[in-house]
Amino acid sequence: MNTRMLPVTPALAGERADAGIARILGMSRSAVAELLTEGHVLQNGKPLAKSDRLIEDALLEVTLPQPKNPLELRPTEVEGFRVVFQDDHIVVVDKPAGVAAHPSVGWDGPTVGGALLAQGISISTSGAQERQGIVQRLDVGTSGLMVLAKSERAYSVLKQAFRDRAVHKVYHAVIQGLADPLSGTFDAPIGRHPRHEFKFAVMQDGKPSVTHYETLEAFPAASLVEVVLETGRTHQIRVHFSTFRHPLVGDTMYGADPKLAAKVGLDRQWLHAMRLSFEHPITGETVAFESTYPEDLRHALDVLRG
């Protein structure tokens, strides 16, 4: 068994235990609910129920069972998972929220590779065991387009294309408030948060991180923005907007208002990988793909517009 001690930050205070802890650990909400039901989660030494609320500055003690092989790729049917394009070298998928890019210790939910295996598509190429074929990642709570490599050559070329910033990635996000100016660029280095294990932050000694944005639509409490990434750091969009006082709606891990998230019916950040284009690693042709908003994000927009 693996026990973790986690503080409840102000951003998570008041959240339901199952939702808040799932966000902290990057686990599925159902898996966290099972831990809570089995008494494996304590708040200040007392067992938590899944509907209990997290208390600011409390200490969570979460005991995680250690899987026999945490990096094993298992075929898993995933509702809403869609293959947009595939050939002998690449596969482009539209990933729903709640699906991890690859297996990892502490994550027992569905993965992109497992969802592909369930459809008879095998990703077997370069990379560590748990990351074979993975040339880009999306957070568990982020939906939208991802490309994976199916051949050795494609893997090598795509990895270099991402390093060279030759892959065009466009996201849509809903942020709290209205950005001032309405369009602009965040150029601020990002590194691991010095105190919180699962978070990232703008850090003087972090890696260079550049995010371009443009406001598309404004609402009384929030606004819809289009985001173009120049770099691809973990949590980059979430960290940049949070740092500049406009956290993504629903992203309570990075300071979003949980009441607004509840109002619009979101239990994850409003963030969608909308468009993806790049040179095909074998043919050299430019290929481009576009995704539509999933139902939970459309519903949240309707509430904000209303």
C-alpha atoms as a PDB file:
ATOM      1  CA  MET A   1       0.000   0.000   0.000  1.00  0.00           C
ATOM      2  CA  ASN A   2       1.133   3.542  -0.789  1.00  0.00           C
ATOM      3  CA  THR A   3       0.105   6.327   1.620  1.00  0.00           C
ATOM      4  CA  ARG A   4       0.179   9.996   0.637  1.00  0.00           C
ATOM      5  CA  MET A   5      -0.234  13.023   2.909  1.00  0.00           C
ATOM      6  CA  LEU A   6      -1.884  15.934   1.101  1.00  0.00           C
ATOM      7  CA  PRO A   7      -2.869  19.396   2.409  1.00  0.00           C
ATOM      8  CA  VAL A   8      -6.238  20.878   1.422  1.00  0.00           C
ATOM      9  CA  THR A   9      -5.470  24.146  -0.348  1.00  0.00           C
ATOM     10  CA  PRO A  10      -7.880  27.121  -0.229  1.00  0.00           C
ATOM     11  CA  ALA A  11      -8.833  26.387  -3.841  1.00  0.00           C
ATOM     12  CA  LEU A  12     -10.099  22.902  -2.867  1.00  0.00           C
ATOM     13  CA  ALA A  13     -11.844  23.913   0.367  1.00  0.00           C
ATOM     14  CA  GLY A  14     -15.567  23.178   0.262  1.00  0.00           C
ATOM     15  CA  GLU A  15     -15.348  20.684  -2.607  1.00  0.00           C
ATOM     16  CA  ARG A  16     -16.887  17.217  -2.348  1.00  0.00           C
ATOM     17  CA  ALA A  17     -14.273  14.738  -1.214  1.00  0.00           C
ATOM     18  CA  ASP A  18     -14.538  12.489  -4.282  1.00  0.00           C
ATOM     19  CA  ALA A  19     -14.233  15.371  -6.767  1.00  0.00           C
ATOM     20  CA  GLY A  20     -11.482  17.253  -4.948  1.00  0.00           C
ATOM     21  CA  ILE A  21      -9.276  14.250  -4.256  1.00  0.00           C
ATOM     22  CA  ALA A  22      -9.687  12.982  -7.815  1.00  0.00           C
ATOM     23  CA  ARG A  23      -8.404  16.358  -8.996  1.00  0.00           C
ATOM     24  CA  ILE A  24      -5.442  16.338  -6.600  1.00  0.00           C
ATOM     25  CA  LEU A  25      -4.336  12.809  -7.496  1.00  0.00           C
ATOM     26  CA  GLY A  26      -5.247  12.812 -11.191  1.00  0.00           C
ATOM     27  CA  MET A  27      -7.429   9.735 -10.647  1.00  0.00           C
ATOM     28  CA  SER A  28     -10.910   8.949 -11.879  1.00  0.00           C
ATOM     29  CA  ARG A  29     -13.729  10.077  -9.596  1.00  0.00           C
ATOM     30  CA  SER A  30     -15.135   6.540  -9.408  1.00  0.00           C
ATOM     31  CA  ALA A  31     -11.769   5.163  -8.258  1.00  0.00           C
ATOM     32  CA  VAL A  32     -11.556   7.801  -5.510  1.00  0.00           C
ATOM     33  CA  ALA A  33     -15.148   7.054  -4.467  1.00  0.00           C
ATOM     34  CA  GLU A  34     -14.125   3.417  -3.994  1.00  0.00           C
ATOM     35  CA  LEU A  35     -11.184   4.447  -1.807  1.00  0.00           C
ATOM     36  CA  LEU A  36     -13.493   6.609   0.296  1.00  0.00           C
ATOM     37  CA  THR A  37     -16.070   3.843   0.648  1.00  0.00           C
ATOM     38  CA  GLU A  38     -13.361   1.430   1.821  1.00  0.00           C
ATOM     39  CA  GLY A  39     -12.112   3.900   4.436  1.00  0.00           C
ATOM     40  CA  HIS A  40      -8.772   4.567   2.752  1.00  0.00           C
ATOM     41  CA  VAL A  41      -9.065   8.366   2.997  1.00  0.00           C
ATOM     42  CA  LEU A  42      -8.770  10.309   6.261  1.00  0.00           C
ATOM     43  CA  GLN A  43      -9.181  14.044   6.828  1.00  0.00           C
ATOM     44  CA  ASN A  44      -7.402  15.175   9.992  1.00  0.00           C
ATOM     45  CA  GLY A  45      -7.394  11.536  11.081  1.00  0.00           C
ATOM     46  CA  LYS A  46     -11.111  10.893  10.512  1.00  0.00           C
ATOM     47  CA  PRO A  47     -12.572   8.776   7.660  1.00  0.00           C
ATOM     48  CA  LEU A  48     -14.205  10.712   4.835  1.00  0.00           C
ATOM     49  CA  ALA A  49     -17.377   9.863   2.920  1.00  0.00           C
ATOM     50  CA  LYS A  50     -17.482  10.761  -0.765  1.00  0.00           C
ATOM     51  CA  SER A  51     -20.072  13.513  -0.209  1.00  0.00           C
ATOM     52  CA  ASP A  52     -18.183  15.099   2.714  1.00  0.00           C
ATOM     53  CA  ARG A  53     -16.596  18.469   2.090  1.00  0.00           C
ATOM     54  CA  LEU A  54     -12.880  19.189   2.160  1.00  0.00           C
ATOM     55  CA  ILE A  55     -11.768  21.557   4.925  1.00  0.00           C
ATOM     56  CA  GLU A  56      -9.225  24.297   4.253  1.00  0.00           C
ATOM     57  CA  ASP A  57      -5.745  23.529   5.673  1.00  0.00           C
ATOM     58  CA  ALA A  58      -6.839  20.021   6.708  1.00  0.00           C
ATOM     59  CA  LEU A  59      -4.439  17.143   6.102  1.00  0.00           C
ATOM     60  CA  LEU A  60      -5.602  14.277   3.920  1.00  0.00           C
ATOM     61  CA  GLU A  61      -4.164  10.799   4.373  1.00  0.00           C
ATOM     62  CA  VAL A  62      -4.847   8.752   1.242  1.00  0.00           C
ATOM     63  CA  THR A  63      -3.866   5.084   1.119  1.00  0.00           C
ATOM     64  CA  LEU A  64      -3.528   3.774  -2.434  1.00  0.00           C
ATOM     65  CA  PRO A  65      -3.301   0.052  -3.229  1.00  0.00           C
ATOM     66  CA  GLN A  66      -0.162  -0.733  -5.209  1.00  0.00           C
ATOM     67  CA  PRO A  67      -1.149  -2.485  -8.451  1.00  0.00           C
ATOM     68  CA  LYS A  68       0.825  -5.556  -9.472  1.00  0.00           C
ATOM     69  CA  ASN A  69       1.799  -3.939 -12.741  1.00  0.00           C
ATOM     70  CA  PRO A  70       0.814  -0.265 -12.753  1.00  0.00           C
ATOM     71  CA  LEU A  71       2.161   0.296 -16.251  1.00  0.00           C
ATOM     72  CA  GLU A  72       0.277  -2.538 -17.940  1.00  0.00           C
ATOM     73  CA  LEU A  73      -1.781  -1.382 -20.912  1.00  0.00           C
ATOM     74  CA  ARG A  74      -5.267  -2.914 -20.709  1.00  0.00           C
ATOM     75  CA  PRO A  75      -7.919  -2.752 -23.471  1.00  0.00           C
ATOM     76  CA  THR A  76     -10.715  -0.503 -22.197  1.00  0.00           C
ATOM     77  CA  GLU A  77     -13.914   0.577 -23.911  1.00  0.00           C
ATOM     78  CA  VAL A  78     -14.272   4.348 -23.413  1.00  0.00           C
ATOM     79  CA  GLU A  79     -17.509   6.192 -24.127  1.00  0.00           C
ATOM     80  CA  GLY A  80     -16.946   9.179 -26.385  1.00  0.00           C
ATOM     81  CA  PHE A  81     -13.454   8.103 -27.470  1.00  0.00           C
ATOM     82  CA  ARG A  82     -13.117   8.549 -31.232  1.00  0.00           C
ATOM     83  CA  VAL A  83     -10.455   7.761 -33.828  1.00  0.00           C
ATOM     84  CA  VAL A  84     -10.373  10.735 -36.198  1.00  0.00           C
ATOM     85  CA  PHE A  85      -7.684   9.456 -38.585  1.00  0.00           C
ATOM     86  CA  GLN A  86      -5.232   6.602 -38.901  1.00  0.00           C
ATOM     87  CA  ASP A  87      -2.838   5.061 -41.373  1.00  0.00           C
ATOM     88  CA  ASP A  88       0.192   2.792 -41.006  1.00  0.00           C
ATOM     89  CA  HIS A  89       2.199   5.476 -39.240  1.00  0.00           C
ATOM     90  CA  ILE A  90      -0.012   7.732 -37.103  1.00  0.00           C
ATOM     91  CA  VAL A  91      -3.378   7.802 -35.378  1.00  0.00           C
ATOM     92  CA  VAL A  92      -5.241  10.957 -34.375  1.00  0.00           C
ATOM     93  CA  VAL A  93      -7.856  10.612 -31.645  1.00  0.00           C
ATOM     94  CA  ASP A  94     -10.495  12.799 -30.028  1.00  0.00           C
ATOM     95  CA  LYS A  95     -10.021  12.125 -26.303  1.00  0.00           C
ATOM     96  CA  PRO A  96     -12.845  12.661 -23.806  1.00  0.00           C
ATOM     97  CA  ALA A  97     -12.123  14.015 -20.332  1.00  0.00           C
ATOM     98  CA  GLY A  98     -11.383  11.352 -17.724  1.00  0.00           C
ATOM     99  CA  VAL A  99      -8.878   9.501 -19.921  1.00  0.00           C
ATOM    100  CA  ALA A 100      -5.122   9.641 -19.268  1.00  0.00           C
ATOM    101  CA  ALA A 101      -2.602   9.819 -22.076  1.00  0.00           C
ATOM    102  CA  HIS A 102      -0.738   6.779 -20.702  1.00  0.00           C
ATOM    103  CA  PRO A 103      -0.643   4.482 -17.636  1.00  0.00           C
ATOM    104  CA  SER A 104       1.093   5.723 -14.507  1.00  0.00           C
ATOM    105  CA  VAL A 105       1.464   4.761 -10.867  1.00  0.00           C
ATOM    106  CA  GLY A 106      -1.641   5.845  -8.960  1.00  0.00           C
ATOM    107  CA  TRP A 107      -3.883   6.010 -12.065  1.00  0.00           C
ATOM    108  CA  ASP A 108      -6.282   3.108 -12.545  1.00  0.00           C
ATOM    109  CA  GLY A 109      -8.619   4.762 -15.026  1.00  0.00           C
ATOM    110  CA  PRO A 110      -8.775   4.464 -18.823  1.00  0.00           C
ATOM    111  CA  THR A 111      -5.870   5.457 -21.065  1.00  0.00           C
ATOM    112  CA  VAL A 112      -5.588   6.447 -24.712  1.00  0.00           C
ATOM    113  CA  GLY A 113      -3.523   3.343 -25.502  1.00  0.00           C
ATOM    114  CA  GLY A 114      -6.045   1.093 -23.752  1.00  0.00           C
ATOM    115  CA  ALA A 115      -8.940   2.687 -25.626  1.00  0.00           C
ATOM    116  CA  LEU A 116      -7.121   2.097 -28.919  1.00  0.00           C
ATOM    117  CA  LEU A 117      -6.404  -1.549 -28.029  1.00  0.00           C
ATOM    118  CA  ALA A 118     -10.119  -2.035 -27.393  1.00  0.00           C
ATOM    119  CA  GLN A 119     -10.690  -0.954 -31.012  1.00  0.00           C
ATOM    120  CA  GLY A 120      -7.999  -3.327 -32.300  1.00  0.00           C
ATOM    121  CA  ILE A 121      -5.412  -0.585 -32.867  1.00  0.00           C
ATOM    122  CA  SER A 122      -1.995  -1.361 -31.429  1.00  0.00           C
ATOM    123  CA  ILE A 123       0.547   1.349 -30.655  1.00  0.00           C
ATOM    124  CA  SER A 124       3.896  -0.415 -30.472  1.00  0.00           C
ATOM    125  CA  THR A 125       6.868   1.813 -31.119  1.00  0.00           C
ATOM    126  CA  SER A 126       9.700   3.672 -29.394  1.00  0.00           C
ATOM    127  CA  GLY A 127       9.407   5.113 -25.918  1.00  0.00           C
ATOM    128  CA  ALA A 128       9.186   3.852 -22.360  1.00  0.00           C
ATOM    129  CA  GLN A 129       6.854   0.904 -21.765  1.00  0.00           C
ATOM    130  CA  GLU A 130       3.993   3.050 -20.502  1.00  0.00           C
ATOM    131  CA  ARG A 131       4.474   5.767 -23.131  1.00  0.00           C
ATOM    132  CA  GLN A 132       4.958   3.815 -26.342  1.00  0.00           C
ATOM    133  CA  GLY A 133       3.738   5.889 -29.263  1.00  0.00           C
ATOM    134  CA  ILE A 134       3.006   8.920 -27.085  1.00  0.00           C
ATOM    135  CA  VAL A 135       4.427  12.065 -28.680  1.00  0.00           C
ATOM    136  CA  GLN A 136       2.116  14.528 -26.898  1.00  0.00           C
ATOM    137  CA  ARG A 137      -0.076  14.459 -23.805  1.00  0.00           C
ATOM    138  CA  LEU A 138      -3.337  15.984 -22.670  1.00  0.00           C
ATOM    139  CA  ASP A 139      -4.288  16.251 -18.992  1.00  0.00           C
ATOM    140  CA  VAL A 140      -6.852  13.743 -17.746  1.00  0.00           C
ATOM    141  CA  GLY A 141      -9.355  16.595 -17.390  1.00  0.00           C
ATOM    142  CA  THR A 142      -8.701  18.040 -20.852  1.00  0.00           C
ATOM    143  CA  SER A 143     -10.628  16.819 -23.893  1.00  0.00           C
ATOM    144  CA  GLY A 144      -9.769  17.027 -27.581  1.00  0.00           C
ATOM    145  CA  LEU A 145      -7.260  16.050 -30.242  1.00  0.00           C
ATOM    146  CA  MET A 146      -4.087  14.008 -29.769  1.00  0.00           C
ATOM    147  CA  VAL A 147      -1.713  12.411 -32.264  1.00  0.00           C
ATOM    148  CA  LEU A 148       0.142   9.142 -31.562  1.00  0.00           C
ATOM    149  CA  ALA A 149       2.849   7.383 -33.549  1.00  0.00           C
ATOM    150  CA  LYS A 150       2.341   3.842 -34.861  1.00  0.00           C
ATOM    151  CA  SER A 151       5.723   3.349 -36.550  1.00  0.00           C
ATOM    152  CA  GLU A 152       9.291   3.894 -35.401  1.00  0.00           C
ATOM    153  CA  ARG A 153       9.961   6.487 -38.094  1.00  0.00           C
ATOM    154  CA  ALA A 154       6.782   8.427 -37.297  1.00  0.00           C
ATOM    155  CA  TYR A 155       7.652   8.452 -33.591  1.00  0.00           C
ATOM    156  CA  SER A 156      11.097   9.918 -34.217  1.00  0.00           C
ATOM    157  CA  VAL A 157       9.918  12.566 -36.684  1.00  0.00           C
ATOM    158  CA  LEU A 158       6.919  13.666 -34.597  1.00  0.00           C
ATOM    159  CA  LYS A 159       8.967  13.939 -31.408  1.00  0.00           C
ATOM    160  CA  GLN A 160      11.382  16.212 -33.250  1.00  0.00           C
ATOM    161  CA  ALA A 161       8.491  18.232 -34.709  1.00  0.00           C
ATOM    162  CA  PHE A 162       7.154  18.892 -31.202  1.00  0.00           C
ATOM    163  CA  ARG A 163      10.649  19.872 -30.012  1.00  0.00           C
ATOM    164  CA  ASP A 164      10.992  22.216 -32.998  1.00  0.00           C
ATOM    165  CA  ARG A 165       7.539  23.735 -32.268  1.00  0.00           C
ATOM    166  CA  ALA A 166       6.438  22.704 -35.763  1.00  0.00           C
ATOM    167  CA  VAL A 167       3.104  21.275 -34.581  1.00  0.00           C
ATOM    168  CA  HIS A 168       0.249  23.813 -34.528  1.00  0.00           C
ATOM    169  CA  LYS A 169      -1.992  23.329 -31.480  1.00  0.00           C
ATOM    170  CA  VAL A 170      -5.104  25.434 -30.852  1.00  0.00           C
ATOM    171  CA  TYR A 171      -7.166  25.160 -27.676  1.00  0.00           C
ATOM    172  CA  HIS A 172     -10.384  26.782 -26.537  1.00  0.00           C
ATOM    173  CA  ALA A 173     -10.745  27.639 -22.863  1.00  0.00           C
ATOM    174  CA  VAL A 174     -13.233  29.452 -20.678  1.00  0.00           C
ATOM    175  CA  ILE A 175     -11.522  31.657 -18.116  1.00  0.00           C
ATOM    176  CA  GLN A 176     -12.917  33.512 -15.134  1.00  0.00           C
ATOM    177  CA  GLY A 177     -13.378  37.210 -15.798  1.00  0.00           C
ATOM    178  CA  LEU A 178     -12.233  39.105 -18.874  1.00  0.00           C
ATOM    179  CA  ALA A 179      -8.590  39.185 -19.934  1.00  0.00           C
ATOM    180  CA  ASP A 180      -7.006  42.635 -20.190  1.00  0.00           C
ATOM    181  CA  PRO A 181      -5.819  43.074 -22.881  1.00  0.00           C
ATOM    182  CA  LEU A 182      -8.332  40.984 -24.843  1.00  0.00           C
ATOM    183  CA  SER A 183      -5.504  39.317 -26.745  1.00  0.00           C
ATOM    184  CA  GLY A 184      -1.868  38.854 -25.874  1.00  0.00           C
ATOM    185  CA  THR A 185       0.962  36.529 -24.910  1.00  0.00           C
ATOM    186  CA  PHE A 186       2.104  34.971 -21.650  1.00  0.00           C
ATOM    187  CA  ASP A 187       5.865  34.434 -21.662  1.00  0.00           C
ATOM    188  CA  ALA A 188       6.659  33.014 -18.236  1.00  0.00           C
ATOM    189  CA  PRO A 189       8.771  29.941 -17.350  1.00  0.00           C
ATOM    190  CA  ILE A 190       7.031  26.994 -15.699  1.00  0.00           C
ATOM    191  CA  GLY A 191       8.387  24.407 -13.268  1.00  0.00           C
ATOM    192  CA  ARG A 192       7.162  22.063 -10.549  1.00  0.00           C
ATOM    193  CA  HIS A 193       5.412  23.772  -7.663  1.00  0.00           C
ATOM    194  CA  PRO A 194       7.801  23.974  -4.694  1.00  0.00           C
ATOM    195  CA  ARG A 195       5.197  22.801  -2.146  1.00  0.00           C
ATOM    196  CA  HIS A 196       2.451  20.882  -3.970  1.00  0.00           C
ATOM    197  CA  GLU A 197       3.455  17.567  -5.537  1.00  0.00           C
ATOM    198  CA  PHE A 198       0.917  17.515  -8.373  1.00  0.00           C
ATOM    199  CA  LYS A 199       0.971  21.195  -9.335  1.00  0.00           C
ATOM    200  CA  PHE A 200       3.124  23.410 -11.522  1.00  0.00           C
ATOM    201  CA  ALA A 201       3.832  27.131 -11.230  1.00  0.00           C
ATOM    202  CA  VAL A 202       5.547  30.053 -12.890  1.00  0.00           C
ATOM    203  CA  MET A 203       9.117  29.755 -11.603  1.00  0.00           C
ATOM    204  CA  GLN A 204      12.187  31.862 -12.296  1.00  0.00           C
ATOM    205  CA  ASP A 205      14.217  28.708 -12.986  1.00  0.00           C
ATOM    206  CA  GLY A 206      11.424  26.932 -14.880  1.00  0.00           C
ATOM    207  CA  LYS A 207      11.380  25.935 -18.542  1.00  0.00           C
ATOM    208  CA  PRO A 208      10.551  28.600 -21.163  1.00  0.00           C
ATOM    209  CA  SER A 209       6.781  28.640 -21.713  1.00  0.00           C
ATOM    210  CA  VAL A 210       4.877  30.798 -24.214  1.00  0.00           C
ATOM    211  CA  THR A 211       1.094  30.975 -24.562  1.00  0.00           C
ATOM    212  CA  HIS A 212      -0.791  33.195 -27.039  1.00  0.00           C
ATOM    213  CA  TYR A 213      -4.489  33.975 -26.507  1.00  0.00           C
ATOM    214  CA  GLU A 214      -7.367  35.877 -28.078  1.00  0.00           C
ATOM    215  CA  THR A 215     -10.786  36.547 -26.531  1.00  0.00           C
ATOM    216  CA  LEU A 216     -13.651  35.162 -28.634  1.00  0.00           C
ATOM    217  CA  GLU A 217     -16.692  35.845 -26.459  1.00  0.00           C
ATOM    218  CA  ALA A 218     -17.400  37.545 -23.130  1.00  0.00           C
ATOM    219  CA  PHE A 219     -20.008  36.641 -20.488  1.00  0.00           C
ATOM    220  CA  PRO A 220     -20.863  38.346 -17.180  1.00  0.00           C
ATOM    221  CA  ALA A 221     -18.604  36.041 -15.122  1.00  0.00           C
ATOM    222  CA  ALA A 222     -16.228  34.538 -17.660  1.00  0.00           C
ATOM    223  CA  SER A 223     -14.961  34.596 -21.240  1.00  0.00           C
ATOM    224  CA  LEU A 224     -14.183  32.165 -24.038  1.00  0.00           C
ATOM    225  CA  VAL A 225     -10.631  32.418 -25.361  1.00  0.00           C
ATOM    226  CA  GLU A 226      -8.677  30.781 -28.163  1.00  0.00           C
ATOM    227  CA  VAL A 227      -5.208  29.677 -27.115  1.00  0.00           C
ATOM    228  CA  VAL A 228      -2.205  28.841 -29.292  1.00  0.00           C
ATOM    229  CA  LEU A 229       0.707  27.084 -27.615  1.00  0.00           C
ATOM    230  CA  GLU A 230       4.229  27.871 -28.688  1.00  0.00           C
ATOM    231  CA  THR A 231       5.630  25.454 -26.079  1.00  0.00           C
ATOM    232  CA  GLY A 232       4.023  22.390 -24.489  1.00  0.00           C
ATOM    233  CA  ARG A 233       4.695  22.348 -20.739  1.00  0.00           C
ATOM    234  CA  THR A 234       2.607  20.296 -18.340  1.00  0.00           C
ATOM    235  CA  HIS A 235      -0.481  22.306 -17.251  1.00  0.00           C
ATOM    236  CA  GLN A 236       0.840  25.271 -19.280  1.00  0.00           C
ATOM    237  CA  ILE A 237      -2.497  26.895 -20.153  1.00  0.00           C
ATOM    238  CA  ARG A 238      -3.888  26.297 -16.677  1.00  0.00           C
ATOM    239  CA  VAL A 239      -0.807  27.714 -14.941  1.00  0.00           C
ATOM    240  CA  HIS A 240      -0.461  30.793 -17.127  1.00  0.00           C
ATOM    241  CA  PHE A 241      -4.089  31.897 -16.868  1.00  0.00           C
ATOM    242  CA  SER A 242      -4.190  31.172 -13.138  1.00  0.00           C
ATOM    243  CA  THR A 243      -0.984  33.110 -12.510  1.00  0.00           C
ATOM    244  CA  PHE A 244      -2.416  36.127 -14.310  1.00  0.00           C
ATOM    245  CA  ARG A 245      -5.626  35.999 -12.234  1.00  0.00           C
ATOM    246  CA  HIS A 246      -7.901  34.298 -14.748  1.00  0.00           C
ATOM    247  CA  PRO A 247      -8.064  30.587 -13.811  1.00  0.00           C
ATOM    248  CA  LEU A 248      -9.974  28.290 -16.126  1.00  0.00           C
ATOM    249  CA  VAL A 249     -13.592  27.786 -15.086  1.00  0.00           C
ATOM    250  CA  GLY A 250     -13.809  24.499 -13.181  1.00  0.00           C
ATOM    251  CA  ASP A 251     -10.053  24.330 -12.484  1.00  0.00           C
ATOM    252  CA  THR A 252     -10.258  24.530  -8.691  1.00  0.00           C
ATOM    253  CA  MET A 253      -6.789  22.992  -8.442  1.00  0.00           C
ATOM    254  CA  TYR A 254      -5.457  26.290  -9.799  1.00  0.00           C
ATOM    255  CA  GLY A 255      -7.727  28.658  -7.909  1.00  0.00           C
ATOM    256  CA  ALA A 256     -11.009  28.643  -9.839  1.00  0.00           C
ATOM    257  CA  ASP A 257     -14.213  29.418  -7.943  1.00  0.00           C
ATOM    258  CA  PRO A 258     -15.896  26.081  -7.048  1.00  0.00           C
ATOM    259  CA  LYS A 259     -19.290  27.829  -6.886  1.00  0.00           C
ATOM    260  CA  LEU A 260     -19.028  28.905 -10.515  1.00  0.00           C
ATOM    261  CA  ALA A 261     -17.970  25.373 -11.504  1.00  0.00           C
ATOM    262  CA  ALA A 262     -21.025  23.974  -9.720  1.00  0.00           C
ATOM    263  CA  LYS A 263     -23.283  26.569 -11.344  1.00  0.00           C
ATOM    264  CA  VAL A 264     -22.231  25.548 -14.858  1.00  0.00           C
ATOM    265  CA  GLY A 265     -22.138  21.823 -13.990  1.00  0.00           C
ATOM    266  CA  LEU A 266     -18.396  21.203 -14.464  1.00  0.00           C
ATOM    267  CA  ASP A 267     -16.229  18.808 -12.470  1.00  0.00           C
ATOM    268  CA  ARG A 268     -13.129  19.529 -14.589  1.00  0.00           C
ATOM    269  CA  GLN A 269     -11.465  22.514 -16.237  1.00  0.00           C
ATOM    270  CA  TRP A 270     -13.140  24.051 -19.296  1.00  0.00           C
ATOM    271  CA  LEU A 271     -10.343  23.269 -21.751  1.00  0.00           C
ATOM    272  CA  HIS A 272     -10.551  21.588 -25.150  1.00  0.00           C
ATOM    273  CA  ALA A 273      -7.834  20.782 -27.715  1.00  0.00           C
ATOM    274  CA  MET A 274      -9.718  22.198 -30.676  1.00  0.00           C
ATOM    275  CA  ARG A 275      -7.413  22.047 -33.688  1.00  0.00           C
ATOM    276  CA  LEU A 276      -4.219  20.185 -34.560  1.00  0.00           C
ATOM    277  CA  SER A 277      -2.088  20.442 -37.691  1.00  0.00           C
ATOM    278  CA  PHE A 278       1.373  19.220 -38.660  1.00  0.00           C
ATOM    279  CA  GLU A 279       3.395  17.771 -41.521  1.00  0.00           C
ATOM    280  CA  HIS A 280       2.743  14.047 -41.877  1.00  0.00           C
ATOM    281  CA  PRO A 281       5.958  12.392 -40.626  1.00  0.00           C
ATOM    282  CA  ILE A 282       6.250  10.130 -43.678  1.00  0.00           C
ATOM    283  CA  THR A 283       4.536  11.882 -46.622  1.00  0.00           C
ATOM    284  CA  GLY A 284       5.411  15.440 -45.645  1.00  0.00           C
ATOM    285  CA  GLU A 285       1.867  16.589 -46.445  1.00  0.00           C
ATOM    286  CA  THR A 286       0.225  19.064 -44.079  1.00  0.00           C
ATOM    287  CA  VAL A 287      -2.640  17.366 -42.243  1.00  0.00           C
ATOM    288  CA  ALA A 288      -5.179  19.262 -40.148  1.00  0.00           C
ATOM    289  CA  PHE A 289      -7.927  18.130 -37.787  1.00  0.00           C
ATOM    290  CA  GLU A 290     -10.690  19.851 -35.830  1.00  0.00           C
ATOM    291  CA  SER A 291     -12.854  18.768 -32.907  1.00  0.00           C
ATOM    292  CA  THR A 292     -16.185  20.014 -31.550  1.00  0.00           C
ATOM    293  CA  TYR A 293     -16.946  20.735 -27.915  1.00  0.00           C
ATOM    294  CA  PRO A 294     -18.171  17.759 -25.855  1.00  0.00           C
ATOM    295  CA  GLU A 295     -21.554  17.939 -24.137  1.00  0.00           C
ATOM    296  CA  ASP A 296     -20.347  19.102 -20.693  1.00  0.00           C
ATOM    297  CA  LEU A 297     -18.467  22.057 -22.181  1.00  0.00           C
ATOM    298  CA  ARG A 298     -21.403  23.010 -24.434  1.00  0.00           C
ATOM    299  CA  HIS A 299     -23.737  22.911 -21.439  1.00  0.00           C
ATOM    300  CA  ALA A 300     -21.405  25.137 -19.399  1.00  0.00           C
ATOM    301  CA  LEU A 301     -21.297  27.667 -22.252  1.00  0.00           C
ATOM    302  CA  ASP A 302     -25.094  27.680 -22.493  1.00  0.00           C
ATOM    303  CA  VAL A 303     -25.362  28.421 -18.758  1.00  0.00           C
ATOM    304  CA  LEU A 304     -22.822  31.267 -19.009  1.00  0.00           C
ATOM    305  CA  ARG A 305     -24.566  32.740 -22.030  1.00  0.00           C
ATOM    306  CA  GLY A 306     -27.943  32.477 -20.322  1.00  0.00           C
END
